[in-house]
């Protein structure tokens, strides 16, 4: 996992890279995931799965943000935001163990009055 943060107007934009792993046939690569799919974008198959099973099928993304020195914590569901700002590509495939691994590039906004933000 890695991330970069850039200024975007008055707020900040976080670019997050994570690896996701799925049993073949359940993840964004699709039921017939093959070695030739390595490097392929999962955008269309991902959207098909979300349309069929709902926005949380490929994971529920949650955020927590707050300001140091206060007890103010805000918890929020980020699933819709992440689903609309994710770019994912198939990275690895293990047909013997029936697993695919994808690299997900996610972009989320962080309001300027935030001292910390967790995404999980």
PDB file of N, CA and C in Angstrom:
ATOM      1  N   UNK A   1       0.838  -1.173   0.000  1.00  0.00           N
ATOM      2  CA  UNK A   1       0.000   0.000   0.000  1.00  0.00           C
ATOM      3  C   UNK A   1       0.883   1.237   0.000  1.00  0.00           C
ATOM      4  N   UNK A   2       0.450   2.245  -0.737  1.00  0.00           N
ATOM      5  CA  UNK A   2       1.154   3.521  -0.731  1.00  0.00           C
ATOM      6  C   UNK A   2       0.131   4.629  -0.975  1.00  0.00           C
ATOM      7  N   UNK A   3       0.554   5.865  -0.702  1.00  0.00           N
ATOM      8  CA  UNK A   3      -0.348   6.983  -0.952  1.00  0.00           C
ATOM      9  C   UNK A   3       0.445   8.251  -1.224  1.00  0.00           C
ATOM     10  N   UNK A   4      -0.219   9.179  -1.896  1.00  0.00           N
ATOM     11  CA  UNK A   4       0.297  10.531  -2.124  1.00  0.00           C
ATOM     12  C   UNK A   4      -0.850  11.485  -1.837  1.00  0.00           C
ATOM     13  N   UNK A   5      -0.510  12.670  -1.344  1.00  0.00           N
ATOM     14  CA  UNK A   5      -1.528  13.683  -1.077  1.00  0.00           C
ATOM     15  C   UNK A   5      -1.149  14.947  -1.827  1.00  0.00           C
ATOM     16  N   UNK A   6      -2.137  15.559  -2.460  1.00  0.00           N
ATOM     17  CA  UNK A   6      -1.912  16.820  -3.165  1.00  0.00           C
ATOM     18  C   UNK A   6      -2.987  17.818  -2.761  1.00  0.00           C
ATOM     19  N   UNK A   7      -2.651  19.093  -2.837  1.00  0.00           N
ATOM     20  CA  UNK A   7      -3.598  20.174  -2.557  1.00  0.00           C
ATOM     21  C   UNK A   7      -4.581  20.246  -3.715  1.00  0.00           C
ATOM     22  N   UNK A   8      -5.858  20.404  -3.389  1.00  0.00           N
ATOM     23  CA  UNK A   8      -6.901  20.499  -4.408  1.00  0.00           C
ATOM     24  C   UNK A   8      -7.894  21.569  -3.964  1.00  0.00           C
ATOM     25  N   UNK A   9      -7.695  22.806  -4.431  1.00  0.00           N
ATOM     26  CA  UNK A   9      -8.515  23.914  -3.953  1.00  0.00           C
ATOM     27  C   UNK A   9      -8.207  24.159  -2.490  1.00  0.00           C
ATOM     28  N   UNK A  10      -9.247  24.196  -1.655  1.00  0.00           N
ATOM     29  CA  UNK A  10      -9.055  24.363  -0.211  1.00  0.00           C
ATOM     30  C   UNK A  10      -8.857  23.035   0.508  1.00  0.00           C
ATOM     31  N   UNK A  11      -9.087  21.938  -0.188  1.00  0.00           N
ATOM     32  CA  UNK A  11      -9.015  20.615   0.419  1.00  0.00           C
ATOM     33  C   UNK A  11      -7.775  19.871  -0.072  1.00  0.00           C
ATOM     34  N   UNK A  12      -7.730  18.584   0.200  1.00  0.00           N
ATOM     35  CA  UNK A  12      -6.622  17.735  -0.233  1.00  0.00           C
ATOM     36  C   UNK A  12      -7.184  16.525  -0.956  1.00  0.00           C
ATOM     37  N   UNK A  13      -6.415  16.004  -1.883  1.00  0.00           N
ATOM     38  CA  UNK A  13      -6.797  14.814  -2.623  1.00  0.00           C
ATOM     39  C   UNK A  13      -5.772  13.729  -2.312  1.00  0.00           C
ATOM     40  N   UNK A  14      -6.246  12.589  -1.824  1.00  0.00           N
ATOM     41  CA  UNK A  14      -5.363  11.461  -1.515  1.00  0.00           C
ATOM     42  C   UNK A  14      -5.477  10.422  -2.625  1.00  0.00           C
ATOM     43  N   UNK A  15      -4.324  10.003  -3.140  1.00  0.00           N
ATOM     44  CA  UNK A  15      -4.244   8.936  -4.138  1.00  0.00           C
ATOM     45  C   UNK A  15      -3.676   7.719  -3.412  1.00  0.00           C
ATOM     46  N   UNK A  16      -4.468   6.677  -3.307  1.00  0.00           N
ATOM     47  CA  UNK A  16      -4.108   5.496  -2.521  1.00  0.00           C
ATOM     48  C   UNK A  16      -3.983   4.287  -3.443  1.00  0.00           C
ATOM     49  N   UNK A  17      -2.911   3.522  -3.263  1.00  0.00           N
ATOM     50  CA  UNK A  17      -2.724   2.271  -4.008  1.00  0.00           C
ATOM     51  C   UNK A  17      -2.789   1.113  -3.018  1.00  0.00           C
ATOM     52  N   UNK A  18      -3.654   0.148  -3.305  1.00  0.00           N
ATOM     53  CA  UNK A  18      -3.761  -1.054  -2.478  1.00  0.00           C
ATOM     54  C   UNK A  18      -3.847  -2.275  -3.382  1.00  0.00           C
ATOM     55  N   UNK A  19      -3.491  -3.414  -2.831  1.00  0.00           N
ATOM     56  CA  UNK A  19      -3.684  -4.680  -3.527  1.00  0.00           C
ATOM     57  C   UNK A  19      -4.922  -5.348  -2.954  1.00  0.00           C
ATOM     58  N   UNK A  20      -5.769  -5.847  -3.830  1.00  0.00           N
ATOM     59  CA  UNK A  20      -6.954  -6.581  -3.405  1.00  0.00           C
ATOM     60  C   UNK A  20      -6.830  -8.013  -3.911  1.00  0.00           C
ATOM     61  N   UNK A  21      -7.340  -8.966  -3.164  1.00  0.00           N
ATOM     62  CA  UNK A  21      -7.266 -10.375  -3.562  1.00  0.00           C
ATOM     63  C   UNK A  21      -8.655 -10.992  -3.492  1.00  0.00           C
ATOM     64  N   UNK A  22      -8.940 -11.851  -4.460  1.00  0.00           N
ATOM     65  CA  UNK A  22     -10.265 -12.448  -4.588  1.00  0.00           C
ATOM     66  C   UNK A  22     -10.128 -13.902  -5.017  1.00  0.00           C
ATOM     67  N   UNK A  23     -11.019 -14.744  -4.535  1.00  0.00           N
ATOM     68  CA  UNK A  23     -11.132 -16.081  -5.094  1.00  0.00           C
ATOM     69  C   UNK A  23     -11.586 -15.903  -6.542  1.00  0.00           C
ATOM     70  N   UNK A  24     -10.962 -16.621  -7.461  1.00  0.00           N
ATOM     71  CA  UNK A  24     -11.341 -16.501  -8.872  1.00  0.00           C
ATOM     72  C   UNK A  24     -12.837 -16.794  -9.010  1.00  0.00           C
ATOM     73  N   UNK A  25     -13.505 -15.929  -9.749  1.00  0.00           N
ATOM     74  CA  UNK A  25     -14.939 -16.067  -9.959  1.00  0.00           C
ATOM     75  C   UNK A  25     -15.765 -15.179  -9.054  1.00  0.00           C
ATOM     76  N   UNK A  26     -15.144 -14.599  -8.016  1.00  0.00           N
ATOM     77  CA  UNK A  26     -15.887 -13.711  -7.118  1.00  0.00           C
ATOM     78  C   UNK A  26     -15.452 -12.259  -7.259  1.00  0.00           C
ATOM     79  N   UNK A  27     -14.286 -12.024  -7.830  1.00  0.00           N
ATOM     80  CA  UNK A  27     -13.732 -10.679  -7.904  1.00  0.00           C
ATOM     81  C   UNK A  27     -13.932 -10.010  -9.244  1.00  0.00           C
ATOM     82  N   UNK A  28     -13.344  -8.835  -9.400  1.00  0.00           N
ATOM     83  CA  UNK A  28     -13.549  -8.013 -10.583  1.00  0.00           C
ATOM     84  C   UNK A  28     -12.989  -8.590 -11.882  1.00  0.00           C
ATOM     85  N   UNK A  29     -12.086  -9.552 -11.817  1.00  0.00           N
ATOM     86  CA  UNK A  29     -11.555 -10.145 -13.049  1.00  0.00           C
ATOM     87  C   UNK A  29     -12.624 -10.974 -13.761  1.00  0.00           C
ATOM     88  N   UNK A  30     -13.575 -11.478 -13.010  1.00  0.00           N
ATOM     89  CA  UNK A  30     -14.665 -12.240 -13.605  1.00  0.00           C
ATOM     90  C   UNK A  30     -14.510 -13.737 -13.409  1.00  0.00           C
ATOM     91  N   UNK A  31     -15.560 -14.458 -13.782  1.00  0.00           N
ATOM     92  CA  UNK A  31     -15.608 -15.906 -13.566  1.00  0.00           C
ATOM     93  C   UNK A  31     -14.590 -16.662 -14.405  1.00  0.00           C
ATOM     94  N   UNK A  32     -14.223 -16.121 -15.556  1.00  0.00           N
ATOM     95  CA  UNK A  32     -13.304 -16.811 -16.463  1.00  0.00           C
ATOM     96  C   UNK A  32     -11.945 -16.112 -16.496  1.00  0.00           C
ATOM     97  N   UNK A  33     -11.443 -15.700 -15.352  1.00  0.00           N
ATOM     98  CA  UNK A  33     -10.173 -14.979 -15.272  1.00  0.00           C
ATOM     99  C   UNK A  33      -9.026 -15.869 -15.760  1.00  0.00           C
ATOM    100  N   UNK A  34      -8.256 -15.364 -16.712  1.00  0.00           N
ATOM    101  CA  UNK A  34      -7.163 -16.118 -17.332  1.00  0.00           C
ATOM    102  C   UNK A  34      -5.866 -15.315 -17.235  1.00  0.00           C
ATOM    103  N   UNK A  35      -4.742 -15.971 -17.484  1.00  0.00           N
ATOM    104  CA  UNK A  35      -3.443 -15.293 -17.450  1.00  0.00           C
ATOM    105  C   UNK A  35      -3.388 -14.125 -18.433  1.00  0.00           C
ATOM    106  N   UNK A  36      -4.098 -14.228 -19.543  1.00  0.00           N
ATOM    107  CA  UNK A  36      -4.113 -13.130 -20.527  1.00  0.00           C
ATOM    108  C   UNK A  36      -4.767 -11.862 -19.961  1.00  0.00           C
ATOM    109  N   UNK A  37      -5.497 -11.994 -18.842  1.00  0.00           N
ATOM    110  CA  UNK A  37      -6.150 -10.839 -18.217  1.00  0.00           C
ATOM    111  C   UNK A  37      -5.194  -9.999 -17.378  1.00  0.00           C
ATOM    112  N   UNK A  38      -3.999 -10.504 -17.097  1.00  0.00           N
ATOM    113  CA  UNK A  38      -3.031  -9.738 -16.303  1.00  0.00           C
ATOM    114  C   UNK A  38      -2.729  -8.426 -17.023  1.00  0.00           C
ATOM    115  N   UNK A  39      -2.866  -7.321 -16.308  1.00  0.00           N
ATOM    116  CA  UNK A  39      -2.670  -5.990 -16.877  1.00  0.00           C
ATOM    117  C   UNK A  39      -3.953  -5.350 -17.373  1.00  0.00           C
ATOM    118  N   UNK A  40      -5.037  -6.125 -17.455  1.00  0.00           N
ATOM    119  CA  UNK A  40      -6.313  -5.619 -17.965  1.00  0.00           C
ATOM    120  C   UNK A  40      -7.050  -4.827 -16.882  1.00  0.00           C
ATOM    121  N   UNK A  41      -7.702  -3.760 -17.306  1.00  0.00           N
ATOM    122  CA  UNK A  41      -8.567  -2.993 -16.414  1.00  0.00           C
ATOM    123  C   UNK A  41      -9.795  -3.830 -16.066  1.00  0.00           C
ATOM    124  N   UNK A  42     -10.240  -3.712 -14.827  1.00  0.00           N
ATOM    125  CA  UNK A  42     -11.444  -4.426 -14.402  1.00  0.00           C
ATOM    126  C   UNK A  42     -12.665  -3.502 -14.392  1.00  0.00           C
ATOM    127  N   UNK A  43     -12.556  -2.330 -15.002  1.00  0.00           N
ATOM    128  CA  UNK A  43     -13.623  -1.323 -14.905  1.00  0.00           C
ATOM    129  C   UNK A  43     -14.988  -1.864 -15.323  1.00  0.00           C
ATOM    130  N   UNK A  44     -15.079  -2.504 -16.479  1.00  0.00           N
ATOM    131  CA  UNK A  44     -16.396  -2.943 -16.948  1.00  0.00           C
ATOM    132  C   UNK A  44     -16.921  -4.128 -16.141  1.00  0.00           C
ATOM    133  N   UNK A  45     -16.061  -5.111 -15.848  1.00  0.00           N
ATOM    134  CA  UNK A  45     -16.536  -6.266 -15.076  1.00  0.00           C
ATOM    135  C   UNK A  45     -16.852  -5.861 -13.631  1.00  0.00           C
ATOM    136  N   UNK A  46     -16.087  -4.918 -13.086  1.00  0.00           N
ATOM    137  CA  UNK A  46     -16.355  -4.400 -11.734  1.00  0.00           C
ATOM    138  C   UNK A  46     -17.731  -3.739 -11.700  1.00  0.00           C
ATOM    139  N   UNK A  47     -18.011  -2.896 -12.689  1.00  0.00           N
ATOM    140  CA  UNK A  47     -19.304  -2.210 -12.725  1.00  0.00           C
ATOM    141  C   UNK A  47     -20.443  -3.203 -12.902  1.00  0.00           C
ATOM    142  N   UNK A  48     -20.240  -4.240 -13.726  1.00  0.00           N
ATOM    143  CA  UNK A  48     -21.267  -5.277 -13.897  1.00  0.00           C
ATOM    144  C   UNK A  48     -21.593  -5.948 -12.564  1.00  0.00           C
ATOM    145  N   UNK A  49     -20.561  -6.285 -11.776  1.00  0.00           N
ATOM    146  CA  UNK A  49     -20.776  -6.920 -10.472  1.00  0.00           C
ATOM    147  C   UNK A  49     -21.517  -5.986  -9.513  1.00  0.00           C
ATOM    148  N   UNK A  50     -21.133  -4.711  -9.505  1.00  0.00           N
ATOM    149  CA  UNK A  50     -21.797  -3.743  -8.622  1.00  0.00           C
ATOM    150  C   UNK A  50     -23.256  -3.549  -9.025  1.00  0.00           C
ATOM    151  N   UNK A  51     -23.521  -3.512 -10.331  1.00  0.00           N
ATOM    152  CA  UNK A  51     -24.901  -3.378 -10.809  1.00  0.00           C
ATOM    153  C   UNK A  51     -25.733  -4.601 -10.426  1.00  0.00           C
ATOM    154  N   UNK A  52     -25.130  -5.780 -10.498  1.00  0.00           N
ATOM    155  CA  UNK A  52     -25.851  -7.024 -10.223  1.00  0.00           C
ATOM    156  C   UNK A  52     -26.079  -7.261  -8.731  1.00  0.00           C
ATOM    157  N   UNK A  53     -25.039  -7.009  -7.907  1.00  0.00           N
ATOM    158  CA  UNK A  53     -25.100  -7.380  -6.497  1.00  0.00           C
ATOM    159  C   UNK A  53     -25.176  -6.206  -5.522  1.00  0.00           C
ATOM    160  N   UNK A  54     -25.019  -4.993  -6.001  1.00  0.00           N
ATOM    161  CA  UNK A  54     -25.097  -3.831  -5.123  1.00  0.00           C
ATOM    162  C   UNK A  54     -23.738  -3.210  -4.848  1.00  0.00           C
ATOM    163  N   UNK A  55     -23.722  -1.962  -4.358  1.00  0.00           N
ATOM    164  CA  UNK A  55     -22.479  -1.199  -4.214  1.00  0.00           C
ATOM    165  C   UNK A  55     -21.485  -1.769  -3.212  1.00  0.00           C
ATOM    166  N   UNK A  56     -21.930  -2.586  -2.277  1.00  0.00           N
ATOM    167  CA  UNK A  56     -21.024  -3.135  -1.276  1.00  0.00           C
ATOM    168  C   UNK A  56     -20.467  -4.507  -1.611  1.00  0.00           C
ATOM    169  N   UNK A  57     -20.800  -5.040  -2.785  1.00  0.00           N
ATOM    170  CA  UNK A  57     -20.377  -6.406  -3.121  1.00  0.00           C
ATOM    171  C   UNK A  57     -18.860  -6.574  -3.099  1.00  0.00           C
ATOM    172  N   UNK A  58     -18.136  -5.603  -3.592  1.00  0.00           N
ATOM    173  CA  UNK A  58     -16.674  -5.695  -3.655  1.00  0.00           C
ATOM    174  C   UNK A  58     -16.008  -5.014  -2.466  1.00  0.00           C
ATOM    175  N   UNK A  59     -16.756  -4.802  -1.403  1.00  0.00           N
ATOM    176  CA  UNK A  59     -16.189  -4.239  -0.186  1.00  0.00           C
ATOM    177  C   UNK A  59     -16.899  -2.983   0.268  1.00  0.00           C
ATOM    178  N   UNK A  60     -16.965  -2.822   1.566  1.00  0.00           N
ATOM    179  CA  UNK A  60     -17.503  -1.611   2.187  1.00  0.00           C
ATOM    180  C   UNK A  60     -16.304  -0.772   2.612  1.00  0.00           C
ATOM    181  N   UNK A  61     -16.233   0.445   2.129  1.00  0.00           N
ATOM    182  CA  UNK A  61     -15.144   1.364   2.469  1.00  0.00           C
ATOM    183  C   UNK A  61     -15.660   2.354   3.500  1.00  0.00           C
ATOM    184  N   UNK A  62     -14.927   2.502   4.598  1.00  0.00           N
ATOM    185  CA  UNK A  62     -15.328   3.407   5.665  1.00  0.00           C
ATOM    186  C   UNK A  62     -14.223   4.411   5.947  1.00  0.00           C
ATOM    187  N   UNK A  63     -14.628   5.583   6.373  1.00  0.00           N
ATOM    188  CA  UNK A  63     -13.670   6.612   6.735  1.00  0.00           C
ATOM    189  C   UNK A  63     -13.910   7.105   8.147  1.00  0.00           C
ATOM    190  N   UNK A  64     -12.860   7.623   8.731  1.00  0.00           N
ATOM    191  CA  UNK A  64     -12.938   8.279  10.041  1.00  0.00           C
ATOM    192  C   UNK A  64     -12.044   9.501   9.948  1.00  0.00           C
ATOM    193  N   UNK A  65     -12.569  10.643  10.330  1.00  0.00           N
ATOM    194  CA  UNK A  65     -11.720  11.833  10.351  1.00  0.00           C
ATOM    195  C   UNK A  65     -11.993  12.612  11.621  1.00  0.00           C
ATOM    196  N   UNK A  66     -10.993  13.404  11.989  1.00  0.00           N
ATOM    197  CA  UNK A  66     -11.129  14.164  13.216  1.00  0.00           C
ATOM    198  C   UNK A  66     -10.103  15.268  13.314  1.00  0.00           C
ATOM    199  N   UNK A  67     -10.178  15.967  14.426  1.00  0.00           N
ATOM    200  CA  UNK A  67      -9.280  17.076  14.716  1.00  0.00           C
ATOM    201  C   UNK A  67      -8.597  16.761  16.039  1.00  0.00           C
ATOM    202  N   UNK A  68      -7.268  16.816  16.059  1.00  0.00           N
ATOM    203  CA  UNK A  68      -6.522  16.544  17.287  1.00  0.00           C
ATOM    204  C   UNK A  68      -6.896  17.542  18.366  1.00  0.00           C
ATOM    205  N   UNK A  69      -6.908  17.073  19.613  1.00  0.00           N
ATOM    206  CA  UNK A  69      -7.235  17.934  20.738  1.00  0.00           C
ATOM    207  C   UNK A  69      -8.728  18.016  21.007  1.00  0.00           C
ATOM    208  N   UNK A  70      -9.529  17.330  20.208  1.00  0.00           N
ATOM    209  CA  UNK A  70     -10.975  17.297  20.429  1.00  0.00           C
ATOM    210  C   UNK A  70     -11.422  15.840  20.471  1.00  0.00           C
ATOM    211  N   UNK A  71     -12.631  15.642  20.930  1.00  0.00           N
ATOM    212  CA  UNK A  71     -13.215  14.299  20.913  1.00  0.00           C
ATOM    213  C   UNK A  71     -14.119  14.135  19.702  1.00  0.00           C
ATOM    214  N   UNK A  72     -14.037  15.088  18.800  1.00  0.00           N
ATOM    215  CA  UNK A  72     -14.878  15.065  17.617  1.00  0.00           C
ATOM    216  C   UNK A  72     -14.342  14.060  16.599  1.00  0.00           C
ATOM    217  N   UNK A  73     -15.108  13.036  16.354  1.00  0.00           N
ATOM    218  CA  UNK A  73     -14.775  12.045  15.340  1.00  0.00           C
ATOM    219  C   UNK A  73     -15.973  11.917  14.413  1.00  0.00           C
ATOM    220  N   UNK A  74     -15.699  11.867  13.135  1.00  0.00           N
ATOM    221  CA  UNK A  74     -16.762  11.679  12.160  1.00  0.00           C
ATOM    222  C   UNK A  74     -16.492  10.360  11.453  1.00  0.00           C
ATOM    223  N   UNK A  75     -17.472   9.467  11.490  1.00  0.00           N
ATOM    224  CA  UNK A  75     -17.387   8.184  10.798  1.00  0.00           C
ATOM    225  C   UNK A  75     -18.349   8.237   9.619  1.00  0.00           C
ATOM    226  N   UNK A  76     -17.906   7.743   8.477  1.00  0.00           N
ATOM    227  CA  UNK A  76     -18.761   7.839   7.303  1.00  0.00           C
ATOM    228  C   UNK A  76     -18.474   6.706   6.325  1.00  0.00           C
ATOM    229  N   UNK A  77     -19.495   6.366   5.562  1.00  0.00           N
ATOM    230  CA  UNK A  77     -19.392   5.332   4.548  1.00  0.00           C
ATOM    231  C   UNK A  77     -18.834   5.963   3.274  1.00  0.00           C
ATOM    232  N   UNK A  78     -17.741   5.402   2.764  1.00  0.00           N
ATOM    233  CA  UNK A  78     -17.083   5.937   1.566  1.00  0.00           C
ATOM    234  C   UNK A  78     -17.266   5.030   0.351  1.00  0.00           C
ATOM    235  N   UNK A  79     -18.111   4.013   0.463  1.00  0.00           N
ATOM    236  CA  UNK A  79     -18.230   3.011  -0.592  1.00  0.00           C
ATOM    237  C   UNK A  79     -18.588   3.634  -1.936  1.00  0.00           C
ATOM    238  N   UNK A  80     -19.585   4.504  -1.968  1.00  0.00           N
ATOM    239  CA  UNK A  80     -19.999   5.118  -3.229  1.00  0.00           C
ATOM    240  C   UNK A  80     -18.881   5.967  -3.816  1.00  0.00           C
ATOM    241  N   UNK A  81     -18.212   6.761  -2.978  1.00  0.00           N
ATOM    242  CA  UNK A  81     -17.109   7.605  -3.454  1.00  0.00           C
ATOM    243  C   UNK A  81     -15.970   6.753  -4.007  1.00  0.00           C
ATOM    244  N   UNK A  82     -15.592   5.705  -3.279  1.00  0.00           N
ATOM    245  CA  UNK A  82     -14.501   4.843  -3.741  1.00  0.00           C
ATOM    246  C   UNK A  82     -14.892   4.138  -5.034  1.00  0.00           C
ATOM    247  N   UNK A  83     -16.115   3.597  -5.091  1.00  0.00           N
ATOM    248  CA  UNK A  83     -16.546   2.898  -6.304  1.00  0.00           C
ATOM    249  C   UNK A  83     -16.535   3.800  -7.530  1.00  0.00           C
ATOM    250  N   UNK A  84     -16.749   5.093  -7.336  1.00  0.00           N
ATOM    251  CA  UNK A  84     -16.763   6.000  -8.487  1.00  0.00           C
ATOM    252  C   UNK A  84     -15.384   6.581  -8.801  1.00  0.00           C
ATOM    253  N   UNK A  85     -14.388   6.328  -7.941  1.00  0.00           N
ATOM    254  CA  UNK A  85     -13.038   6.860  -8.164  1.00  0.00           C
ATOM    255  C   UNK A  85     -11.970   5.780  -8.024  1.00  0.00           C
ATOM    256  N   UNK A  86     -12.253   4.579  -8.503  1.00  0.00           N
ATOM    257  CA  UNK A  86     -11.285   3.491  -8.401  1.00  0.00           C
ATOM    258  C   UNK A  86     -10.871   3.049  -9.801  1.00  0.00           C
ATOM    259  N   UNK A  87      -9.588   2.836  -9.962  1.00  0.00           N
ATOM    260  CA  UNK A  87      -9.047   2.268 -11.196  1.00  0.00           C
ATOM    261  C   UNK A  87      -8.324   1.000 -10.770  1.00  0.00           C
ATOM    262  N   UNK A  88      -8.733  -0.113 -11.340  1.00  0.00           N
ATOM    263  CA  UNK A  88      -8.204  -1.392 -10.886  1.00  0.00           C
ATOM    264  C   UNK A  88      -7.729  -2.211 -12.082  1.00  0.00           C
ATOM    265  N   UNK A  89      -6.595  -2.887 -11.898  1.00  0.00           N
ATOM    266  CA  UNK A  89      -6.043  -3.755 -12.947  1.00  0.00           C
ATOM    267  C   UNK A  89      -5.626  -5.083 -12.336  1.00  0.00           C
ATOM    268  N   UNK A  90      -5.803  -6.147 -13.101  1.00  0.00           N
ATOM    269  CA  UNK A  90      -5.373  -7.475 -12.667  1.00  0.00           C
ATOM    270  C   UNK A  90      -3.849  -7.492 -12.640  1.00  0.00           C
ATOM    271  N   UNK A  91      -3.264  -7.928 -11.514  1.00  0.00           N
ATOM    272  CA  UNK A  91      -1.809  -7.958 -11.360  1.00  0.00           C
ATOM    273  C   UNK A  91      -1.241  -9.369 -11.359  1.00  0.00           C
ATOM    274  N   UNK A  92      -1.878 -10.271 -10.645  1.00  0.00           N
ATOM    275  CA  UNK A  92      -1.381 -11.635 -10.489  1.00  0.00           C
ATOM    276  C   UNK A  92      -2.547 -12.602 -10.553  1.00  0.00           C
ATOM    277  N   UNK A  93      -2.235 -13.812 -10.958  1.00  0.00           N
ATOM    278  CA  UNK A  93      -3.250 -14.849 -11.033  1.00  0.00           C
ATOM    279  C   UNK A  93      -2.619 -16.167 -10.623  1.00  0.00           C
ATOM    280  N   UNK A  94      -3.281 -16.888  -9.740  1.00  0.00           N
ATOM    281  CA  UNK A  94      -2.824 -18.217  -9.356  1.00  0.00           C
ATOM    282  C   UNK A  94      -3.982 -19.171  -9.596  1.00  0.00           C
ATOM    283  N   UNK A  95      -4.001 -19.787 -10.783  1.00  0.00           N
ATOM    284  CA  UNK A  95      -5.087 -20.693 -11.151  1.00  0.00           C
ATOM    285  C   UNK A  95      -5.095 -21.924 -10.244  1.00  0.00           C
ATOM    286  N   UNK A  96      -3.913 -22.373  -9.795  1.00  0.00           N
ATOM    287  CA  UNK A  96      -3.838 -23.549  -8.928  1.00  0.00           C
ATOM    288  C   UNK A  96      -4.518 -23.330  -7.591  1.00  0.00           C
ATOM    289  N   UNK A  97      -4.310 -22.161  -7.004  1.00  0.00           N
ATOM    290  CA  UNK A  97      -4.932 -21.830  -5.719  1.00  0.00           C
ATOM    291  C   UNK A  97      -6.251 -21.078  -5.883  1.00  0.00           C
ATOM    292  N   UNK A  98      -6.592 -20.732  -7.138  1.00  0.00           N
ATOM    293  CA  UNK A  98      -7.859 -20.059  -7.472  1.00  0.00           C
ATOM    294  C   UNK A  98      -7.954 -18.645  -6.896  1.00  0.00           C
ATOM    295  N   UNK A  99      -6.859 -17.874  -7.003  1.00  0.00           N
ATOM    296  CA  UNK A  99      -6.849 -16.495  -6.513  1.00  0.00           C
ATOM    297  C   UNK A  99      -6.421 -15.535  -7.612  1.00  0.00           C
ATOM    298  N   UNK A 100      -7.028 -14.357  -7.598  1.00  0.00           N
ATOM    299  CA  UNK A 100      -6.567 -13.237  -8.420  1.00  0.00           C
ATOM    300  C   UNK A 100      -6.128 -12.133  -7.475  1.00  0.00           C
ATOM    301  N   UNK A 101      -5.179 -11.315  -7.904  1.00  0.00           N
ATOM    302  CA  UNK A 101      -4.768 -10.143  -7.137  1.00  0.00           C
ATOM    303  C   UNK A 101      -4.794  -8.952  -8.082  1.00  0.00           C
ATOM    304  N   UNK A 102      -5.400  -7.874  -7.620  1.00  0.00           N
ATOM    305  CA  UNK A 102      -5.551  -6.665  -8.427  1.00  0.00           C
ATOM    306  C   UNK A 102      -4.923  -5.482  -7.713  1.00  0.00           C
ATOM    307  N   UNK A 103      -4.415  -4.526  -8.500  1.00  0.00           N
ATOM    308  CA  UNK A 103      -3.956  -3.261  -7.929  1.00  0.00           C
ATOM    309  C   UNK A 103      -5.079  -2.259  -8.085  1.00  0.00           C
ATOM    310  N   UNK A 104      -5.491  -1.662  -6.974  1.00  0.00           N
ATOM    311  CA  UNK A 104      -6.554  -0.667  -6.980  1.00  0.00           C
ATOM    312  C   UNK A 104      -5.958   0.702  -6.686  1.00  0.00           C
ATOM    313  N   UNK A 105      -6.199   1.643  -7.571  1.00  0.00           N
ATOM    314  CA  UNK A 105      -5.810   3.039  -7.378  1.00  0.00           C
ATOM    315  C   UNK A 105      -7.080   3.807  -7.031  1.00  0.00           C
ATOM    316  N   UNK A 106      -7.097   4.383  -5.842  1.00  0.00           N
ATOM    317  CA  UNK A 106      -8.289   5.034  -5.310  1.00  0.00           C
ATOM    318  C   UNK A 106      -7.973   6.499  -5.041  1.00  0.00           C
ATOM    319  N   UNK A 107      -8.921   7.368  -5.348  1.00  0.00           N
ATOM    320  CA  UNK A 107      -8.776   8.792  -5.060  1.00  0.00           C
ATOM    321  C   UNK A 107      -9.905   9.213  -4.122  1.00  0.00           C
ATOM    322  N   UNK A 108      -9.551   9.855  -3.000  1.00  0.00           N
ATOM    323  CA  UNK A 108     -10.552  10.371  -2.059  1.00  0.00           C
ATOM    324  C   UNK A 108     -10.182  11.798  -1.661  1.00  0.00           C
ATOM    325  N   UNK A 109     -11.200  12.587  -1.362  1.00  0.00           N
ATOM    326  CA  UNK A 109     -10.995  13.969  -0.933  1.00  0.00           C
ATOM    327  C   UNK A 109     -10.933  14.037   0.593  1.00  0.00           C
ATOM    328  N   UNK A 110     -10.058  14.911   1.089  1.00  0.00           N
ATOM    329  CA  UNK A 110      -9.922  15.153   2.527  1.00  0.00           C
ATOM    330  C   UNK A 110     -10.181  16.638   2.770  1.00  0.00           C
ATOM    331  N   UNK A 111     -11.217  16.984   3.558  1.00  0.00           N
ATOM    332  CA  UNK A 111     -11.495  18.391   3.836  1.00  0.00           C
ATOM    333  C   UNK A 111     -10.327  19.056   4.567  1.00  0.00           C
ATOM    334  N   UNK A 112     -10.130  20.353   4.322  1.00  0.00           N
ATOM    335  CA  UNK A 112      -8.976  21.070   4.881  1.00  0.00           C
ATOM    336  C   UNK A 112      -8.980  21.142   6.401  1.00  0.00           C
ATOM    337  N   UNK A 113     -10.143  21.075   7.035  1.00  0.00           N
ATOM    338  CA  UNK A 113     -10.193  21.195   8.494  1.00  0.00           C
ATOM    339  C   UNK A 113     -10.008  19.844   9.189  1.00  0.00           C
ATOM    340  N   UNK A 114      -9.376  18.895   8.510  1.00  0.00           N
ATOM    341  CA  UNK A 114      -9.155  17.553   9.038  1.00  0.00           C
ATOM    342  C   UNK A 114      -7.702  17.393   9.459  1.00  0.00           C
ATOM    343  N   UNK A 115      -7.476  16.909  10.682  1.00  0.00           N
ATOM    344  CA  UNK A 115      -6.114  16.633  11.146  1.00  0.00           C
ATOM    345  C   UNK A 115      -5.682  15.214  10.816  1.00  0.00           C
ATOM    346  N   UNK A 116      -6.627  14.295  10.780  1.00  0.00           N
ATOM    347  CA  UNK A 116      -6.285  12.924  10.394  1.00  0.00           C
ATOM    348  C   UNK A 116      -7.485  12.284   9.701  1.00  0.00           C
ATOM    349  N   UNK A 117      -7.200  11.289   8.890  1.00  0.00           N
ATOM    350  CA  UNK A 117      -8.260  10.551   8.220  1.00  0.00           C
ATOM    351  C   UNK A 117      -7.807   9.116   8.027  1.00  0.00           C
ATOM    352  N   UNK A 118      -8.642   8.184   8.430  1.00  0.00           N
ATOM    353  CA  UNK A 118      -8.402   6.760   8.212  1.00  0.00           C
ATOM    354  C   UNK A 118      -9.376   6.272   7.153  1.00  0.00           C
ATOM    355  N   UNK A 119      -8.886   5.457   6.250  1.00  0.00           N
ATOM    356  CA  UNK A 119      -9.729   4.808   5.248  1.00  0.00           C
ATOM    357  C   UNK A 119      -9.532   3.319   5.427  1.00  0.00           C
ATOM    358  N   UNK A 120     -10.615   2.600   5.562  1.00  0.00           N
ATOM    359  CA  UNK A 120     -10.509   1.137   5.702  1.00  0.00           C
ATOM    360  C   UNK A 120     -11.634   0.454   4.973  1.00  0.00           C
TER     361      UNK A 120
END
